N, C-alpha and C. Protein backbone atom coordinates (compact mmCIF):
# COMPACT_ATOMS: atom_id res chain seq x y z
N MET A 1 -8.86 12.46 0.79
CA MET A 1 -9.66 11.76 1.78
C MET A 1 -10.99 11.40 1.14
N GLY A 2 -11.25 10.08 1.04
CA GLY A 2 -12.49 9.66 0.44
C GLY A 2 -13.50 9.30 1.50
N ALA A 3 -14.75 9.62 1.28
CA ALA A 3 -15.80 9.27 2.22
C ALA A 3 -17.10 9.16 1.47
N GLY A 4 -18.19 8.95 2.19
CA GLY A 4 -19.48 8.77 1.56
C GLY A 4 -20.15 10.09 1.24
N GLY A 5 -21.43 10.02 0.95
CA GLY A 5 -22.19 11.19 0.57
C GLY A 5 -22.78 11.89 1.78
N PRO A 6 -23.73 12.81 1.55
CA PRO A 6 -24.34 13.59 2.61
C PRO A 6 -24.99 12.73 3.69
N ASP A 7 -25.60 11.60 3.31
CA ASP A 7 -26.24 10.74 4.30
C ASP A 7 -25.23 10.20 5.30
N ASP A 8 -24.04 9.92 4.83
CA ASP A 8 -23.01 9.39 5.72
C ASP A 8 -22.48 10.47 6.66
N ASP A 9 -22.55 11.72 6.25
CA ASP A 9 -22.06 12.80 7.09
C ASP A 9 -22.88 12.94 8.37
N ASN A 10 -24.12 12.42 8.37
CA ASN A 10 -24.94 12.49 9.57
C ASN A 10 -24.38 11.63 10.68
N MET A 11 -23.51 10.71 10.34
CA MET A 11 -22.89 9.86 11.34
C MET A 11 -21.80 10.59 12.11
N TRP A 12 -21.35 11.71 11.58
CA TRP A 12 -20.20 12.42 12.13
C TRP A 12 -20.56 13.86 12.45
N PRO A 13 -19.75 14.51 13.30
CA PRO A 13 -19.97 15.93 13.58
C PRO A 13 -19.87 16.73 12.28
N PRO A 14 -20.62 17.80 12.13
CA PRO A 14 -20.61 18.56 10.87
C PRO A 14 -19.27 19.19 10.55
N TRP A 15 -18.39 19.33 11.53
CA TRP A 15 -17.10 19.98 11.29
C TRP A 15 -16.01 19.01 10.83
N LEU A 16 -16.27 17.71 10.89
CA LEU A 16 -15.19 16.76 10.61
C LEU A 16 -14.75 16.79 9.15
N ARG A 17 -15.70 16.70 8.24
CA ARG A 17 -15.32 16.71 6.82
C ARG A 17 -14.60 18.01 6.44
N PRO A 18 -15.13 19.19 6.80
CA PRO A 18 -14.39 20.43 6.49
C PRO A 18 -13.00 20.45 7.10
N LEU A 19 -12.87 19.90 8.31
CA LEU A 19 -11.56 19.86 8.95
C LEU A 19 -10.58 19.03 8.14
N LEU A 20 -11.00 17.88 7.69
CA LEU A 20 -10.12 16.99 6.93
C LEU A 20 -9.76 17.56 5.56
N GLU A 21 -10.59 18.44 5.03
CA GLU A 21 -10.34 19.02 3.72
C GLU A 21 -9.63 20.37 3.78
N THR A 22 -9.33 20.84 4.97
CA THR A 22 -8.70 22.15 5.15
C THR A 22 -7.19 22.06 5.02
N SER A 23 -6.59 23.05 4.40
CA SER A 23 -5.13 23.13 4.30
C SER A 23 -4.59 23.97 5.46
N PHE A 24 -3.65 23.40 6.18
CA PHE A 24 -3.06 24.08 7.32
C PHE A 24 -1.61 24.48 7.02
N PHE A 25 -1.06 25.27 7.92
CA PHE A 25 0.32 25.74 7.84
C PHE A 25 0.54 26.58 6.57
N VAL A 26 -0.45 27.40 6.28
CA VAL A 26 -0.34 28.38 5.20
C VAL A 26 -0.38 29.77 5.81
N GLN A 27 0.03 30.75 5.05
CA GLN A 27 0.03 32.13 5.55
C GLN A 27 -1.39 32.66 5.67
N CYS A 28 -1.69 33.29 6.80
CA CYS A 28 -3.03 33.84 7.03
C CYS A 28 -3.27 35.01 6.06
N LYS A 29 -4.38 34.98 5.38
CA LYS A 29 -4.67 36.04 4.40
C LYS A 29 -5.15 37.32 5.07
N TYR A 30 -5.52 37.23 6.34
CA TYR A 30 -5.99 38.42 7.05
C TYR A 30 -4.90 39.10 7.86
N HIS A 31 -3.86 38.36 8.21
CA HIS A 31 -2.79 38.93 9.04
C HIS A 31 -1.42 38.65 8.41
N SER A 32 -1.32 38.83 7.15
CA SER A 32 -0.08 38.53 6.44
C SER A 32 1.07 39.46 6.81
N ASP A 33 0.75 40.62 7.36
CA ASP A 33 1.80 41.58 7.72
C ASP A 33 2.31 41.38 9.14
N SER A 34 1.75 40.46 9.86
CA SER A 34 2.15 40.23 11.26
C SER A 34 3.01 38.98 11.36
N HIS A 35 3.68 38.84 12.49
CA HIS A 35 4.51 37.66 12.74
C HIS A 35 3.64 36.53 13.29
N LYS A 36 4.12 35.33 13.12
CA LYS A 36 3.45 34.15 13.63
C LYS A 36 2.00 34.08 13.14
N THR A 37 1.86 34.18 11.86
CA THR A 37 0.51 34.12 11.28
C THR A 37 0.31 32.82 10.49
N GLU A 38 1.03 31.79 10.87
CA GLU A 38 0.85 30.49 10.23
C GLU A 38 -0.46 29.88 10.73
N CYS A 39 -1.27 29.42 9.82
CA CYS A 39 -2.59 28.91 10.18
C CYS A 39 -2.52 27.45 10.62
N ASN A 40 -2.59 27.24 11.91
CA ASN A 40 -2.57 25.89 12.46
C ASN A 40 -3.68 25.66 13.49
N MET A 41 -4.72 26.49 13.43
CA MET A 41 -5.85 26.36 14.33
C MET A 41 -7.13 26.16 13.51
N TYR A 42 -8.13 25.58 14.17
CA TYR A 42 -9.41 25.35 13.48
C TYR A 42 -10.55 25.54 14.47
N CYS A 43 -11.58 26.28 14.07
CA CYS A 43 -12.74 26.53 14.91
C CYS A 43 -13.83 25.51 14.56
N LEU A 44 -14.20 24.70 15.53
CA LEU A 44 -15.21 23.67 15.30
C LEU A 44 -16.61 24.25 15.16
N ASP A 45 -16.80 25.45 15.64
CA ASP A 45 -18.13 26.07 15.57
C ASP A 45 -18.34 26.85 14.27
N CYS A 46 -17.31 27.53 13.82
CA CYS A 46 -17.43 28.34 12.59
C CYS A 46 -17.17 27.54 11.32
N MET A 47 -16.21 26.62 11.40
CA MET A 47 -15.87 25.77 10.25
C MET A 47 -15.54 26.58 9.00
N ASN A 48 -14.79 27.65 9.20
CA ASN A 48 -14.49 28.55 8.07
C ASN A 48 -13.02 28.53 7.69
N GLY A 49 -12.40 27.39 7.77
CA GLY A 49 -11.02 27.27 7.34
C GLY A 49 -10.04 27.39 8.47
N SER A 50 -8.76 27.30 8.11
CA SER A 50 -7.70 27.36 9.12
C SER A 50 -7.53 28.78 9.64
N LEU A 51 -7.06 28.89 10.87
CA LEU A 51 -6.90 30.18 11.53
C LEU A 51 -5.50 30.31 12.09
N CYS A 52 -5.06 31.54 12.22
CA CYS A 52 -3.78 31.81 12.87
C CYS A 52 -4.05 32.22 14.32
N SER A 53 -2.99 32.43 15.08
CA SER A 53 -3.16 32.78 16.49
C SER A 53 -3.88 34.11 16.66
N LEU A 54 -3.71 35.03 15.72
CA LEU A 54 -4.40 36.32 15.81
C LEU A 54 -5.90 36.18 15.49
N CYS A 55 -6.23 35.24 14.66
CA CYS A 55 -7.64 35.04 14.33
C CYS A 55 -8.43 34.52 15.52
N LEU A 56 -7.76 33.85 16.44
CA LEU A 56 -8.47 33.27 17.57
C LEU A 56 -9.13 34.33 18.45
N GLY A 57 -8.67 35.58 18.35
CA GLY A 57 -9.29 36.65 19.14
C GLY A 57 -10.76 36.82 18.80
N TYR A 58 -11.17 36.42 17.62
CA TYR A 58 -12.57 36.52 17.21
C TYR A 58 -13.35 35.23 17.51
N HIS A 59 -12.70 34.25 18.12
CA HIS A 59 -13.34 32.96 18.41
C HIS A 59 -13.12 32.57 19.88
N ARG A 60 -13.12 33.54 20.75
CA ARG A 60 -12.79 33.27 22.15
C ARG A 60 -13.78 32.32 22.82
N ASP A 61 -15.03 32.42 22.49
CA ASP A 61 -16.05 31.58 23.11
C ASP A 61 -16.37 30.34 22.29
N HIS A 62 -15.55 30.04 21.29
CA HIS A 62 -15.79 28.89 20.42
C HIS A 62 -14.84 27.74 20.77
N ARG A 63 -15.19 26.58 20.27
CA ARG A 63 -14.32 25.41 20.43
C ARG A 63 -13.27 25.43 19.32
N SER A 64 -12.06 25.43 19.70
CA SER A 64 -10.98 25.45 18.70
C SER A 64 -9.96 24.37 19.04
N ILE A 65 -9.32 23.85 18.03
CA ILE A 65 -8.29 22.82 18.20
C ILE A 65 -7.05 23.23 17.42
N GLN A 66 -5.92 22.72 17.86
CA GLN A 66 -4.65 23.04 17.20
C GLN A 66 -4.17 21.86 16.39
N ILE A 67 -3.75 22.12 15.19
CA ILE A 67 -3.22 21.10 14.29
C ILE A 67 -1.70 21.19 14.32
N ARG A 68 -1.07 20.07 14.40
CA ARG A 68 0.38 20.00 14.38
C ARG A 68 0.84 19.22 13.15
N ARG A 69 2.13 19.18 12.95
CA ARG A 69 2.66 18.55 11.73
C ARG A 69 3.76 17.57 12.08
N SER A 70 3.72 16.43 11.40
CA SER A 70 4.74 15.40 11.54
C SER A 70 5.07 14.84 10.17
N SER A 71 6.31 15.03 9.75
CA SER A 71 6.74 14.54 8.44
C SER A 71 5.80 15.00 7.33
N TYR A 72 5.45 16.29 7.35
CA TYR A 72 4.61 16.92 6.34
C TYR A 72 3.17 16.41 6.34
N HIS A 73 2.76 15.78 7.43
CA HIS A 73 1.38 15.32 7.56
C HIS A 73 0.76 15.97 8.79
N ASP A 74 -0.53 16.28 8.68
CA ASP A 74 -1.23 16.95 9.77
C ASP A 74 -1.66 15.95 10.83
N VAL A 75 -1.42 16.31 12.09
CA VAL A 75 -1.81 15.47 13.23
C VAL A 75 -2.50 16.33 14.27
N ILE A 76 -3.18 15.68 15.17
CA ILE A 76 -3.82 16.37 16.27
C ILE A 76 -3.64 15.53 17.53
N ARG A 77 -3.46 16.18 18.65
CA ARG A 77 -3.24 15.47 19.90
C ARG A 77 -4.50 14.71 20.32
N VAL A 78 -4.27 13.51 20.82
CA VAL A 78 -5.38 12.69 21.27
C VAL A 78 -6.13 13.38 22.41
N SER A 79 -5.41 14.05 23.28
CA SER A 79 -6.03 14.73 24.42
C SER A 79 -7.04 15.80 23.98
N GLU A 80 -6.87 16.35 22.78
CA GLU A 80 -7.79 17.36 22.27
C GLU A 80 -8.95 16.74 21.49
N ILE A 81 -8.63 15.86 20.57
CA ILE A 81 -9.65 15.35 19.67
C ILE A 81 -10.61 14.38 20.35
N GLN A 82 -10.13 13.62 21.33
CA GLN A 82 -11.01 12.63 21.95
C GLN A 82 -12.11 13.26 22.80
N LYS A 83 -11.99 14.56 23.07
CA LYS A 83 -13.03 15.27 23.81
C LYS A 83 -14.25 15.53 22.94
N VAL A 84 -14.06 15.58 21.64
CA VAL A 84 -15.15 15.94 20.73
C VAL A 84 -15.43 14.88 19.67
N LEU A 85 -14.63 13.80 19.63
CA LEU A 85 -14.80 12.80 18.58
C LEU A 85 -14.38 11.42 19.07
N ASP A 86 -15.12 10.42 18.67
CA ASP A 86 -14.78 9.04 19.00
C ASP A 86 -13.69 8.56 18.04
N ILE A 87 -12.51 8.29 18.57
CA ILE A 87 -11.39 7.86 17.72
C ILE A 87 -11.07 6.38 17.91
N THR A 88 -12.03 5.63 18.41
CA THR A 88 -11.83 4.20 18.60
C THR A 88 -11.45 3.53 17.29
N GLY A 89 -10.43 2.70 17.30
CA GLY A 89 -9.99 1.99 16.11
C GLY A 89 -8.96 2.71 15.29
N VAL A 90 -8.68 3.97 15.61
CA VAL A 90 -7.68 4.74 14.87
C VAL A 90 -6.34 4.63 15.59
N GLN A 91 -5.31 4.25 14.87
CA GLN A 91 -4.00 4.07 15.50
C GLN A 91 -3.44 5.40 15.97
N THR A 92 -2.87 5.39 17.14
CA THR A 92 -2.24 6.58 17.71
C THR A 92 -0.73 6.44 17.67
N TYR A 93 -0.05 7.56 17.69
CA TYR A 93 1.41 7.60 17.64
C TYR A 93 1.91 8.57 18.70
N VAL A 94 3.12 8.34 19.17
CA VAL A 94 3.74 9.26 20.12
C VAL A 94 4.78 10.08 19.37
N ILE A 95 4.54 11.38 19.27
CA ILE A 95 5.43 12.30 18.57
C ILE A 95 5.72 13.47 19.50
N ASN A 96 7.01 13.70 19.72
CA ASN A 96 7.42 14.77 20.65
C ASN A 96 6.76 14.62 22.01
N SER A 97 6.77 13.39 22.49
CA SER A 97 6.24 13.05 23.83
C SER A 97 4.74 13.25 23.95
N ALA A 98 4.03 13.42 22.86
CA ALA A 98 2.58 13.59 22.89
C ALA A 98 1.93 12.55 21.98
N ARG A 99 0.83 11.97 22.44
CA ARG A 99 0.12 10.98 21.64
C ARG A 99 -0.80 11.70 20.66
N VAL A 100 -0.69 11.33 19.39
CA VAL A 100 -1.44 12.02 18.34
C VAL A 100 -2.10 11.02 17.40
N VAL A 101 -3.02 11.53 16.58
CA VAL A 101 -3.59 10.76 15.48
C VAL A 101 -3.44 11.59 14.20
N PHE A 102 -3.33 10.91 13.08
CA PHE A 102 -3.21 11.60 11.80
C PHE A 102 -4.60 11.95 11.27
N LEU A 103 -4.69 13.11 10.60
CA LEU A 103 -5.97 13.54 10.06
C LEU A 103 -6.36 12.73 8.83
N ASN A 104 -5.43 12.54 7.92
CA ASN A 104 -5.74 11.85 6.66
C ASN A 104 -4.75 10.72 6.40
N GLU A 105 -5.10 9.89 5.44
CA GLU A 105 -4.27 8.74 5.11
C GLU A 105 -2.92 9.16 4.59
N ARG A 106 -1.96 8.27 4.75
CA ARG A 106 -0.61 8.48 4.22
C ARG A 106 -0.28 7.33 3.28
N PRO A 107 -0.14 7.62 2.00
CA PRO A 107 0.11 6.54 1.04
C PRO A 107 1.34 5.73 1.41
N GLN A 108 1.22 4.43 1.22
CA GLN A 108 2.34 3.52 1.48
C GLN A 108 2.43 2.54 0.33
N PRO A 109 3.59 2.48 -0.35
CA PRO A 109 3.71 1.61 -1.52
C PRO A 109 3.34 0.16 -1.26
N ARG A 110 3.85 -0.38 -0.16
CA ARG A 110 3.57 -1.77 0.16
C ARG A 110 3.76 -1.98 1.65
N PRO A 111 3.00 -2.90 2.25
CA PRO A 111 3.16 -3.16 3.68
C PRO A 111 4.56 -3.68 3.99
N GLY A 112 5.02 -3.42 5.20
CA GLY A 112 6.33 -3.89 5.61
C GLY A 112 6.38 -5.40 5.71
N LYS A 113 7.55 -5.94 5.73
CA LYS A 113 7.73 -7.38 5.80
C LYS A 113 7.23 -7.91 7.13
N GLY A 114 6.44 -8.95 7.07
CA GLY A 114 5.92 -9.56 8.28
C GLY A 114 4.70 -8.87 8.85
N VAL A 115 4.14 -7.87 8.15
CA VAL A 115 2.97 -7.15 8.65
C VAL A 115 1.73 -8.03 8.51
N THR A 116 0.96 -8.13 9.59
CA THR A 116 -0.24 -8.97 9.58
C THR A 116 -1.53 -8.15 9.64
N ASN A 117 -1.44 -6.84 9.88
CA ASN A 117 -2.63 -6.01 9.98
C ASN A 117 -2.41 -4.70 9.23
N THR A 118 -3.39 -4.31 8.44
CA THR A 118 -3.29 -3.07 7.67
C THR A 118 -4.58 -2.28 7.80
N CYS A 119 -4.51 -1.01 7.43
CA CYS A 119 -5.68 -0.13 7.48
C CYS A 119 -6.77 -0.67 6.55
N ALA A 120 -8.01 -0.66 7.03
CA ALA A 120 -9.12 -1.21 6.25
C ALA A 120 -9.40 -0.41 4.99
N VAL A 121 -8.87 0.82 4.90
CA VAL A 121 -9.14 1.67 3.74
C VAL A 121 -7.94 1.78 2.82
N CYS A 122 -6.80 2.22 3.35
CA CYS A 122 -5.63 2.48 2.50
C CYS A 122 -4.56 1.40 2.60
N GLU A 123 -4.77 0.39 3.47
CA GLU A 123 -3.86 -0.74 3.62
C GLU A 123 -2.49 -0.36 4.16
N ARG A 124 -2.42 0.70 4.91
CA ARG A 124 -1.17 1.05 5.57
C ARG A 124 -0.94 0.12 6.75
N SER A 125 0.31 -0.21 7.03
CA SER A 125 0.65 -1.12 8.11
C SER A 125 0.19 -0.56 9.45
N LEU A 126 -0.45 -1.41 10.24
CA LEU A 126 -0.96 -1.01 11.55
C LEU A 126 -0.61 -2.05 12.60
N LEU A 127 -0.70 -1.63 13.86
CA LEU A 127 -0.64 -2.58 14.95
C LEU A 127 -1.92 -3.41 14.95
N ASP A 128 -1.86 -4.59 15.52
CA ASP A 128 -2.99 -5.51 15.44
C ASP A 128 -4.26 -4.99 16.11
N SER A 129 -4.13 -4.08 17.05
CA SER A 129 -5.30 -3.62 17.80
C SER A 129 -6.04 -2.46 17.15
N PHE A 130 -5.61 -2.05 15.95
CA PHE A 130 -6.25 -0.91 15.28
C PHE A 130 -6.81 -1.31 13.92
N THR A 131 -7.77 -0.50 13.44
CA THR A 131 -8.43 -0.77 12.16
C THR A 131 -8.14 0.29 11.11
N PHE A 132 -7.93 1.54 11.54
CA PHE A 132 -7.71 2.65 10.62
C PHE A 132 -6.43 3.40 11.00
N CYS A 133 -5.82 4.02 9.99
CA CYS A 133 -4.57 4.73 10.22
C CYS A 133 -4.79 6.21 10.49
N SER A 134 -6.00 6.71 10.25
CA SER A 134 -6.26 8.14 10.39
C SER A 134 -7.74 8.39 10.57
N LEU A 135 -8.08 9.64 10.92
CA LEU A 135 -9.49 10.01 11.06
C LEU A 135 -10.20 9.94 9.71
N GLY A 136 -9.51 10.36 8.66
CA GLY A 136 -10.10 10.32 7.32
C GLY A 136 -10.44 8.91 6.89
N CYS A 137 -9.54 7.96 7.20
CA CYS A 137 -9.79 6.57 6.82
C CYS A 137 -10.95 5.99 7.62
N LYS A 138 -11.08 6.39 8.87
CA LYS A 138 -12.22 5.89 9.66
C LYS A 138 -13.52 6.44 9.10
N MET A 139 -13.54 7.71 8.74
CA MET A 139 -14.75 8.29 8.17
C MET A 139 -15.10 7.60 6.86
N ALA A 140 -14.09 7.33 6.04
CA ALA A 140 -14.34 6.67 4.75
C ALA A 140 -14.74 5.22 4.95
N GLY A 141 -14.06 4.54 5.87
CA GLY A 141 -14.30 3.12 6.06
C GLY A 141 -15.62 2.78 6.69
N THR A 142 -16.24 3.72 7.35
CA THR A 142 -17.53 3.47 8.00
C THR A 142 -18.70 4.04 7.20
N SER A 143 -18.44 4.56 6.02
CA SER A 143 -19.51 5.11 5.20
C SER A 143 -20.17 4.00 4.38
N ASN A 144 -21.44 4.17 4.10
CA ASN A 144 -22.17 3.16 3.33
C ASN A 144 -21.64 3.04 1.91
N ASN A 145 -21.31 4.16 1.30
CA ASN A 145 -20.82 4.13 -0.08
C ASN A 145 -19.51 3.37 -0.18
N TRP A 146 -18.65 3.57 0.82
CA TRP A 146 -17.37 2.86 0.76
C TRP A 146 -17.57 1.37 0.89
N SER A 147 -18.49 0.95 1.75
CA SER A 147 -18.76 -0.47 1.92
C SER A 147 -19.28 -1.08 0.64
N LYS A 148 -20.20 -0.36 -0.05
CA LYS A 148 -20.73 -0.88 -1.31
C LYS A 148 -19.63 -0.97 -2.36
N LYS A 149 -18.77 0.03 -2.40
CA LYS A 149 -17.69 0.03 -3.36
C LYS A 149 -16.73 -1.12 -3.09
N ARG A 150 -16.45 -1.35 -1.81
CA ARG A 150 -15.55 -2.45 -1.46
C ARG A 150 -16.17 -3.78 -1.86
N ASN A 151 -17.47 -3.96 -1.60
CA ASN A 151 -18.12 -5.21 -1.96
C ASN A 151 -18.13 -5.40 -3.47
N TRP A 152 -18.35 -4.29 -4.22
CA TRP A 152 -18.34 -4.38 -5.68
C TRP A 152 -16.97 -4.80 -6.18
N ASN A 153 -15.92 -4.22 -5.61
CA ASN A 153 -14.56 -4.60 -6.01
C ASN A 153 -14.29 -6.05 -5.68
N THR A 154 -14.81 -6.50 -4.55
CA THR A 154 -14.62 -7.90 -4.17
C THR A 154 -15.31 -8.83 -5.16
N LYS A 155 -16.55 -8.46 -5.58
CA LYS A 155 -17.26 -9.27 -6.56
C LYS A 155 -16.52 -9.31 -7.88
N LYS A 156 -15.93 -8.17 -8.27
CA LYS A 156 -15.19 -8.12 -9.53
C LYS A 156 -13.97 -9.04 -9.46
N LYS A 157 -13.30 -9.04 -8.31
CA LYS A 157 -12.13 -9.91 -8.15
C LYS A 157 -12.54 -11.38 -8.21
N LEU A 158 -13.65 -11.71 -7.55
CA LEU A 158 -14.12 -13.09 -7.56
C LEU A 158 -14.52 -13.51 -8.97
N ALA A 159 -15.19 -12.60 -9.70
CA ALA A 159 -15.59 -12.91 -11.07
C ALA A 159 -14.37 -13.10 -11.95
N SER A 160 -13.36 -12.26 -11.75
CA SER A 160 -12.14 -12.37 -12.53
C SER A 160 -11.45 -13.70 -12.25
N ALA A 161 -11.42 -14.09 -10.98
CA ALA A 161 -10.80 -15.36 -10.61
C ALA A 161 -11.57 -16.53 -11.21
N SER A 162 -12.92 -16.42 -11.22
CA SER A 162 -13.75 -17.47 -11.79
C SER A 162 -13.52 -17.62 -13.28
N ASN A 163 -13.43 -16.49 -13.98
CA ASN A 163 -13.15 -16.52 -15.42
C ASN A 163 -11.80 -17.14 -15.71
N SER A 164 -10.84 -16.82 -14.84
CA SER A 164 -9.50 -17.37 -15.03
C SER A 164 -9.52 -18.88 -14.88
N ASP A 165 -10.29 -19.36 -13.87
CA ASP A 165 -10.39 -20.81 -13.66
C ASP A 165 -11.06 -21.47 -14.85
N SER A 166 -12.10 -20.80 -15.43
CA SER A 166 -12.80 -21.37 -16.58
C SER A 166 -11.88 -21.49 -17.77
N GLU A 167 -11.05 -20.47 -17.98
CA GLU A 167 -10.12 -20.49 -19.11
C GLU A 167 -9.11 -21.62 -18.94
N GLU A 168 -8.66 -21.83 -17.70
CA GLU A 168 -7.70 -22.90 -17.47
C GLU A 168 -8.36 -24.26 -17.71
N SER A 169 -9.63 -24.40 -17.29
CA SER A 169 -10.34 -25.65 -17.50
C SER A 169 -10.53 -25.92 -18.98
N TYR A 170 -10.87 -24.85 -19.74
CA TYR A 170 -11.07 -25.03 -21.17
C TYR A 170 -9.77 -25.41 -21.87
N SER A 171 -8.66 -24.86 -21.42
CA SER A 171 -7.39 -25.16 -22.06
C SER A 171 -6.95 -26.58 -21.78
N SER A 172 -7.42 -27.15 -20.66
CA SER A 172 -7.01 -28.52 -20.32
C SER A 172 -7.97 -29.56 -20.87
N SER A 173 -9.17 -29.13 -21.32
CA SER A 173 -10.11 -30.09 -21.89
C SER A 173 -10.83 -29.44 -23.06
N SER A 174 -11.19 -30.23 -24.03
CA SER A 174 -11.86 -29.70 -25.21
C SER A 174 -13.10 -30.55 -25.48
N HIS A 175 -14.30 -29.96 -25.18
CA HIS A 175 -15.57 -30.64 -25.41
C HIS A 175 -15.60 -31.99 -24.72
N GLY A 176 -15.10 -32.03 -23.50
CA GLY A 176 -15.17 -33.26 -22.72
C GLY A 176 -14.03 -34.20 -22.97
N LYS A 177 -13.18 -33.93 -23.94
CA LYS A 177 -12.05 -34.79 -24.23
C LYS A 177 -10.79 -34.18 -23.65
N THR A 178 -10.07 -34.99 -22.95
CA THR A 178 -8.85 -34.51 -22.34
C THR A 178 -7.79 -34.26 -23.40
N VAL A 179 -7.20 -33.12 -23.32
CA VAL A 179 -6.14 -32.76 -24.26
C VAL A 179 -4.81 -32.94 -23.57
N GLN A 180 -4.03 -33.87 -24.06
CA GLN A 180 -2.75 -34.14 -23.44
C GLN A 180 -1.73 -33.12 -23.92
N SER A 181 -0.89 -32.79 -23.02
CA SER A 181 0.17 -31.83 -23.36
C SER A 181 1.48 -32.57 -23.44
N PHE A 182 2.15 -32.37 -24.54
CA PHE A 182 3.43 -33.04 -24.74
C PHE A 182 4.53 -31.99 -24.81
N THR A 183 5.63 -32.33 -24.22
CA THR A 183 6.80 -31.46 -24.32
C THR A 183 7.87 -32.20 -25.07
N PRO A 184 8.59 -31.52 -25.92
CA PRO A 184 9.64 -32.19 -26.70
C PRO A 184 10.63 -32.89 -25.78
N SER A 185 10.94 -34.16 -26.13
CA SER A 185 11.92 -34.88 -25.32
C SER A 185 13.32 -34.41 -25.67
N THR A 186 14.24 -34.78 -24.85
CA THR A 186 15.62 -34.40 -25.10
C THR A 186 16.10 -35.06 -26.38
N PRO A 187 16.62 -34.31 -27.33
CA PRO A 187 17.05 -34.91 -28.61
C PRO A 187 18.14 -35.94 -28.38
N PRO A 188 18.11 -37.04 -29.16
CA PRO A 188 19.13 -38.08 -28.99
C PRO A 188 20.49 -37.56 -29.38
N PRO A 189 21.51 -38.14 -28.83
CA PRO A 189 22.86 -37.69 -29.17
C PRO A 189 23.15 -37.91 -30.64
N THR A 190 23.99 -37.10 -31.19
CA THR A 190 24.33 -37.19 -32.61
C THR A 190 24.96 -38.54 -32.92
N VAL A 191 24.42 -39.18 -33.98
CA VAL A 191 24.95 -40.49 -34.37
C VAL A 191 26.33 -40.31 -34.99
N THR A 192 27.27 -41.03 -34.45
CA THR A 192 28.63 -40.96 -34.99
C THR A 192 29.08 -42.33 -35.44
N ASN A 193 30.15 -42.37 -36.21
CA ASN A 193 30.69 -43.63 -36.68
C ASN A 193 31.13 -44.49 -35.51
N PHE A 194 30.63 -45.73 -35.50
CA PHE A 194 30.91 -46.60 -34.37
C PHE A 194 32.41 -46.81 -34.18
N ARG A 195 33.11 -46.99 -35.31
CA ARG A 195 34.55 -47.21 -35.21
C ARG A 195 35.25 -45.97 -34.66
N THR A 196 34.75 -44.80 -35.11
CA THR A 196 35.37 -43.57 -34.64
C THR A 196 35.14 -43.38 -33.15
N ALA A 197 33.91 -43.74 -32.70
CA ALA A 197 33.60 -43.57 -31.29
C ALA A 197 34.35 -44.55 -30.43
N LYS A 198 34.56 -45.79 -30.93
CA LYS A 198 35.20 -46.81 -30.12
C LYS A 198 36.69 -46.90 -30.33
N ARG A 199 37.21 -46.20 -31.29
CA ARG A 199 38.62 -46.34 -31.64
C ARG A 199 39.49 -45.77 -30.55
N ARG A 200 40.50 -46.52 -30.20
CA ARG A 200 41.46 -46.06 -29.22
C ARG A 200 42.85 -46.02 -29.84
N LYS A 201 43.64 -45.15 -29.32
CA LYS A 201 45.00 -45.07 -29.81
C LYS A 201 45.79 -46.23 -29.23
N GLY A 202 46.37 -47.06 -30.11
CA GLY A 202 47.10 -48.23 -29.64
C GLY A 202 48.48 -47.88 -29.11
N ILE A 203 49.12 -48.92 -28.58
CA ILE A 203 50.47 -48.73 -28.04
C ILE A 203 51.44 -48.64 -29.21
N PRO A 204 52.29 -47.61 -29.26
CA PRO A 204 53.21 -47.47 -30.41
C PRO A 204 54.23 -48.60 -30.43
N HIS A 205 54.56 -49.11 -31.64
CA HIS A 205 55.53 -50.18 -31.81
C HIS A 205 56.78 -49.60 -32.45
N ARG A 206 57.93 -49.93 -31.85
CA ARG A 206 59.19 -49.43 -32.37
C ARG A 206 59.92 -50.55 -33.12
N ALA A 207 60.60 -50.18 -34.14
CA ALA A 207 61.37 -51.18 -34.90
C ALA A 207 62.55 -51.63 -34.04
N PRO A 208 62.85 -52.98 -34.06
CA PRO A 208 63.99 -53.47 -33.25
C PRO A 208 65.31 -52.94 -33.79
N LEU A 209 66.24 -52.64 -32.88
CA LEU A 209 67.53 -52.10 -33.26
C LEU A 209 68.40 -53.16 -33.96
N GLY A 210 68.13 -54.44 -33.68
CA GLY A 210 68.96 -55.50 -34.26
C GLY A 210 68.87 -55.55 -35.77
N GLY A 211 67.81 -55.09 -36.30
CA GLY A 211 67.65 -55.18 -37.76
C GLY A 211 68.22 -53.99 -38.50
N LEU A 212 68.90 -53.12 -37.74
CA LEU A 212 69.44 -51.91 -38.36
C LEU A 212 70.86 -52.16 -38.85
N THR A 213 71.19 -51.96 -40.14
CA THR A 213 72.52 -52.20 -40.74
C THR A 213 73.16 -50.86 -41.01
N LEU A 214 74.36 -50.69 -40.47
CA LEU A 214 75.09 -49.45 -40.68
C LEU A 214 76.21 -49.67 -41.69
N GLU A 215 76.40 -48.86 -42.64
CA GLU A 215 77.42 -48.97 -43.66
C GLU A 215 78.36 -47.80 -43.54
N TYR A 216 79.66 -48.11 -43.72
CA TYR A 216 80.68 -47.06 -43.61
C TYR A 216 81.33 -46.91 -44.96
C-alpha cells in the first residue's frame, strides 16, 4: 500500500495507516495455546496490531473493528467502517450477503474487455461511479506525494512522445530537404526465348495409308 508522507497522514485518522499495514489471520502470540486465537480484530484506539477474540477482553471500552477475508484479501464491512471513516469513492462489494470494502489494492494484470473505468491508483476495473478499489488506494490517491509522482510520470510520457515525434520528423526530412523513400519494385518476369514462350504443339500429321506398299 503506497501513500504519502507524514504530512498526508494528517488528512486521515491516525489508525488508518497502521491498520492497512497490519497482517491479519495469523496466530495470536499471546494466546497460542487456546482455541480460536486467529487475529482478525483491530483496536482503533491502541493501534498495536491485530488481536484475537481473547485479546478483546483488554479493550472492552475501546473502538474495535473486525476484519474478514475474501479470496485471500482483507475486507471490512461497510456498516462498521463508515462509522469512523469516509469511504466515498471506494467501490463496495457484496460478499456473503454483506457489503464490504477491501483494505488494500489487488493487483490486476489488465482491465477486462470493455472496461471504461479503472482505479485511479492501481488501474483495477471499477464500476463507473467509483474512483478507488480499496481504502489503501484512496489514501494513496489523495496524498500530495502521489499526485506529484503521477504528474511527473505524465510529464515523462509526454516528453517521450515528443522525442519520438522529433525522431520521426528527422527521419522523414534532412536539413529541410525531403527524403523520399523508395521500395523495391516487383522484379520483372524472367526473360525467356520468344519462340519457346510462343511455341505451341501443332496438330500431328499421319502418313497416308495409300502410299504404303506391302511385299510378300
